[in-house]
Amino acid sequence: MKRKLAWIGAILSGLYLLIIGPLPFPVMDPLPFIDEVVALGFFLKCTSYLGYDLRKWLPFIGKKGKSNTAPRPAGKKDVTIDV
């Protein structure tokens, strides 16, 4: 069911970006580009849920970065001492 909803969301937001997004509506759109940004974010989340990573073709959208923490040594465990 979630995959079907993700497919429907990806198709609808993709069609919005392709068809309605480029149309000029200066009178009806008080905050231009806000609705396109929301549709693009929704489209990227739906496609990433489906397994397609489209962020590599969009340089202005950063990927989730790797954490800067160093990996733990194999033999050590975290010890918490409660006093």
N, C-alpha and C. Protein backbone atom coordinates (compact mmCIF):
# COMPACT_ATOMS: atom_id res chain seq x y z
N MET A 1 0.82 -1.19 0.00
CA MET A 1 0.00 0.00 0.00
C MET A 1 0.87 1.26 0.00
N LYS A 2 1.96 1.24 0.80
CA LYS A 2 2.82 2.42 0.85
C LYS A 2 3.52 2.65 -0.49
N ARG A 3 3.90 1.55 -1.15
CA ARG A 3 4.54 1.69 -2.46
C ARG A 3 3.58 2.29 -3.48
N LYS A 4 2.32 1.90 -3.42
CA LYS A 4 1.34 2.46 -4.34
C LYS A 4 1.16 3.96 -4.09
N LEU A 5 1.10 4.34 -2.82
CA LEU A 5 0.98 5.77 -2.50
C LEU A 5 2.22 6.54 -2.93
N ALA A 6 3.39 5.93 -2.79
CA ALA A 6 4.62 6.58 -3.22
C ALA A 6 4.64 6.74 -4.74
N TRP A 7 4.16 5.73 -5.47
CA TRP A 7 4.09 5.84 -6.92
C TRP A 7 3.11 6.94 -7.34
N ILE A 8 1.96 6.98 -6.68
CA ILE A 8 0.97 8.02 -7.01
C ILE A 8 1.52 9.40 -6.70
N GLY A 9 2.19 9.54 -5.55
CA GLY A 9 2.79 10.83 -5.20
C GLY A 9 3.88 11.24 -6.16
N ALA A 10 4.71 10.30 -6.58
CA ALA A 10 5.78 10.61 -7.53
C ALA A 10 5.21 11.02 -8.89
N ILE A 11 4.18 10.31 -9.33
CA ILE A 11 3.59 10.64 -10.63
C ILE A 11 2.90 12.00 -10.59
N LEU A 12 2.13 12.26 -9.55
CA LEU A 12 1.41 13.53 -9.47
C LEU A 12 2.36 14.72 -9.31
N SER A 13 3.36 14.58 -8.45
CA SER A 13 4.29 15.70 -8.27
C SER A 13 5.17 15.87 -9.50
N GLY A 14 5.53 14.78 -10.18
CA GLY A 14 6.30 14.89 -11.41
C GLY A 14 5.51 15.58 -12.51
N LEU A 15 4.23 15.22 -12.64
CA LEU A 15 3.39 15.90 -13.62
C LEU A 15 3.20 17.37 -13.28
N TYR A 16 3.07 17.68 -12.01
CA TYR A 16 2.96 19.09 -11.60
C TYR A 16 4.21 19.86 -12.00
N LEU A 17 5.38 19.25 -11.75
CA LEU A 17 6.62 19.93 -12.09
C LEU A 17 6.78 20.11 -13.60
N LEU A 18 6.32 19.14 -14.37
CA LEU A 18 6.48 19.22 -15.82
C LEU A 18 5.44 20.11 -16.50
N ILE A 19 4.21 20.10 -16.01
CA ILE A 19 3.13 20.78 -16.72
C ILE A 19 2.78 22.13 -16.08
N ILE A 20 2.46 22.13 -14.81
CA ILE A 20 1.95 23.34 -14.18
C ILE A 20 3.08 24.24 -13.68
N GLY A 21 4.20 23.66 -13.28
CA GLY A 21 5.31 24.45 -12.74
C GLY A 21 5.82 25.54 -13.65
N PRO A 22 6.09 25.26 -14.93
CA PRO A 22 6.64 26.30 -15.81
C PRO A 22 5.64 27.35 -16.28
N LEU A 23 4.34 27.15 -16.08
CA LEU A 23 3.36 28.12 -16.55
C LEU A 23 3.46 29.40 -15.74
N PRO A 24 3.43 30.54 -16.41
CA PRO A 24 3.54 31.82 -15.69
C PRO A 24 2.19 32.24 -15.10
N PHE A 25 2.11 32.29 -13.81
CA PHE A 25 0.93 32.78 -13.11
C PHE A 25 1.34 33.90 -12.16
N PRO A 26 1.73 35.06 -12.65
CA PRO A 26 2.21 36.09 -11.73
C PRO A 26 1.13 36.64 -10.82
N VAL A 27 -0.10 36.65 -11.25
CA VAL A 27 -1.17 37.19 -10.43
C VAL A 27 -1.62 36.18 -9.39
N MET A 28 -1.68 34.90 -9.76
CA MET A 28 -2.21 33.87 -8.88
C MET A 28 -1.16 33.27 -7.95
N ASP A 29 0.11 33.54 -8.19
CA ASP A 29 1.18 32.91 -7.41
C ASP A 29 1.93 33.98 -6.62
N PRO A 30 1.49 34.28 -5.39
CA PRO A 30 2.14 35.35 -4.62
C PRO A 30 3.57 35.01 -4.20
N LEU A 31 3.87 33.76 -3.95
CA LEU A 31 5.22 33.33 -3.60
C LEU A 31 5.71 32.37 -4.69
N PRO A 32 6.29 32.93 -5.74
CA PRO A 32 6.70 32.04 -6.84
C PRO A 32 7.77 31.07 -6.38
N PHE A 33 7.90 29.97 -6.92
CA PHE A 33 8.89 28.93 -6.65
C PHE A 33 8.66 28.17 -5.36
N ILE A 34 7.82 28.64 -4.43
CA ILE A 34 7.61 27.90 -3.19
C ILE A 34 6.86 26.60 -3.49
N ASP A 35 5.84 26.66 -4.31
CA ASP A 35 5.10 25.44 -4.63
C ASP A 35 5.93 24.47 -5.46
N GLU A 36 6.81 24.99 -6.31
CA GLU A 36 7.69 24.11 -7.08
C GLU A 36 8.72 23.44 -6.18
N VAL A 37 9.20 24.16 -5.18
CA VAL A 37 10.18 23.57 -4.25
C VAL A 37 9.53 22.46 -3.44
N VAL A 38 8.32 22.68 -2.99
CA VAL A 38 7.60 21.66 -2.23
C VAL A 38 7.33 20.44 -3.12
N ALA A 39 6.91 20.67 -4.35
CA ALA A 39 6.64 19.56 -5.27
C ALA A 39 7.93 18.79 -5.58
N LEU A 40 9.05 19.51 -5.75
CA LEU A 40 10.32 18.83 -6.02
C LEU A 40 10.77 18.01 -4.81
N GLY A 41 10.63 18.56 -3.62
CA GLY A 41 10.99 17.81 -2.41
C GLY A 41 10.13 16.58 -2.24
N PHE A 42 8.85 16.71 -2.48
CA PHE A 42 7.93 15.57 -2.39
C PHE A 42 8.27 14.52 -3.44
N PHE A 43 8.59 14.96 -4.66
CA PHE A 43 8.96 14.05 -5.73
C PHE A 43 10.24 13.30 -5.39
N LEU A 44 11.24 14.00 -4.84
CA LEU A 44 12.50 13.35 -4.49
C LEU A 44 12.32 12.35 -3.34
N LYS A 45 11.50 12.69 -2.36
CA LYS A 45 11.25 11.75 -1.26
C LYS A 45 10.51 10.51 -1.74
N CYS A 46 9.53 10.69 -2.62
CA CYS A 46 8.79 9.54 -3.15
C CYS A 46 9.70 8.64 -3.97
N THR A 47 10.52 9.24 -4.84
CA THR A 47 11.39 8.42 -5.67
C THR A 47 12.50 7.76 -4.85
N SER A 48 12.98 8.42 -3.82
CA SER A 48 14.01 7.77 -2.99
C SER A 48 13.39 6.62 -2.18
N TYR A 49 12.12 6.73 -1.78
CA TYR A 49 11.44 5.63 -1.11
C TYR A 49 11.30 4.43 -2.06
N LEU A 50 11.09 4.73 -3.33
CA LEU A 50 10.94 3.66 -4.32
C LEU A 50 12.29 3.08 -4.76
N GLY A 51 13.39 3.69 -4.35
CA GLY A 51 14.70 3.14 -4.66
C GLY A 51 15.44 3.86 -5.76
N TYR A 52 14.92 4.96 -6.25
CA TYR A 52 15.57 5.73 -7.30
C TYR A 52 16.16 6.99 -6.70
N ASP A 53 17.48 7.12 -6.71
CA ASP A 53 18.12 8.30 -6.13
C ASP A 53 18.36 9.32 -7.23
N LEU A 54 17.49 10.31 -7.33
CA LEU A 54 17.59 11.33 -8.37
C LEU A 54 18.39 12.54 -7.93
N ARG A 55 18.84 12.54 -6.67
CA ARG A 55 19.59 13.70 -6.17
C ARG A 55 20.96 13.83 -6.80
N LYS A 56 21.49 12.76 -7.41
CA LYS A 56 22.81 12.86 -8.00
C LYS A 56 22.80 13.71 -9.26
N TRP A 57 21.64 13.93 -9.87
CA TRP A 57 21.55 14.80 -11.04
C TRP A 57 21.16 16.23 -10.68
N LEU A 58 20.92 16.50 -9.41
CA LEU A 58 20.57 17.84 -8.96
C LEU A 58 21.66 18.35 -8.02
N PRO A 59 22.61 19.13 -8.54
CA PRO A 59 23.75 19.53 -7.72
C PRO A 59 23.40 20.48 -6.58
N PHE A 60 22.28 21.18 -6.65
CA PHE A 60 21.93 22.13 -5.61
C PHE A 60 21.25 21.48 -4.42
N ILE A 61 20.93 20.20 -4.50
CA ILE A 61 20.35 19.48 -3.37
C ILE A 61 21.41 18.56 -2.82
N GLY A 62 21.81 18.79 -1.59
CA GLY A 62 22.85 17.98 -0.99
C GLY A 62 22.34 16.63 -0.54
N LYS A 63 23.22 15.66 -0.60
CA LYS A 63 22.87 14.34 -0.08
C LYS A 63 23.11 14.32 1.41
N LYS A 64 22.55 13.34 2.05
CA LYS A 64 22.79 13.19 3.48
C LYS A 64 24.25 12.85 3.66
N GLY A 65 24.95 13.69 4.39
CA GLY A 65 26.39 13.49 4.55
C GLY A 65 26.71 12.39 5.53
N LYS A 66 27.93 11.90 5.41
CA LYS A 66 28.39 10.89 6.34
C LYS A 66 28.75 11.59 7.65
N SER A 67 28.58 10.87 8.73
CA SER A 67 28.90 11.46 10.02
C SER A 67 30.42 11.55 10.17
N ASN A 68 30.86 12.52 10.93
CA ASN A 68 32.29 12.74 11.11
C ASN A 68 32.88 11.91 12.24
N THR A 69 32.10 11.04 12.82
CA THR A 69 32.61 10.24 13.92
C THR A 69 33.45 9.09 13.38
N ALA A 70 34.51 8.79 14.08
CA ALA A 70 35.40 7.71 13.67
C ALA A 70 34.79 6.37 14.08
N PRO A 71 35.02 5.33 13.32
CA PRO A 71 34.48 4.02 13.70
C PRO A 71 35.15 3.51 14.97
N ARG A 72 34.38 2.77 15.76
CA ARG A 72 34.91 2.24 17.02
C ARG A 72 35.82 1.06 16.77
N PRO A 73 36.81 0.89 17.61
CA PRO A 73 37.63 -0.33 17.50
C PRO A 73 36.78 -1.55 17.81
N ALA A 74 37.17 -2.68 17.27
CA ALA A 74 36.35 -3.88 17.33
C ALA A 74 36.16 -4.43 18.74
N GLY A 75 37.18 -4.35 19.60
CA GLY A 75 37.10 -4.98 20.90
C GLY A 75 36.56 -4.12 22.02
N LYS A 76 36.35 -2.84 21.81
CA LYS A 76 35.95 -1.95 22.91
C LYS A 76 34.42 -1.77 22.93
N LYS A 77 33.90 -1.72 24.16
CA LYS A 77 32.48 -1.47 24.34
C LYS A 77 32.33 -0.14 25.07
N ASP A 78 31.20 0.49 24.87
CA ASP A 78 30.90 1.71 25.63
C ASP A 78 30.51 1.32 27.04
N VAL A 79 31.14 1.95 28.01
CA VAL A 79 30.86 1.67 29.41
C VAL A 79 30.31 2.92 30.04
N THR A 80 29.15 2.80 30.66
CA THR A 80 28.56 3.91 31.38
C THR A 80 28.62 3.61 32.86
N ILE A 81 29.23 4.50 33.61
CA ILE A 81 29.35 4.32 35.06
C ILE A 81 28.39 5.31 35.70
N ASP A 82 27.42 4.79 36.42
CA ASP A 82 26.43 5.62 37.09
C ASP A 82 26.83 5.72 38.55
N VAL A 83 27.09 6.94 39.01
CA VAL A 83 27.54 7.13 40.39
C VAL A 83 26.43 7.73 41.20
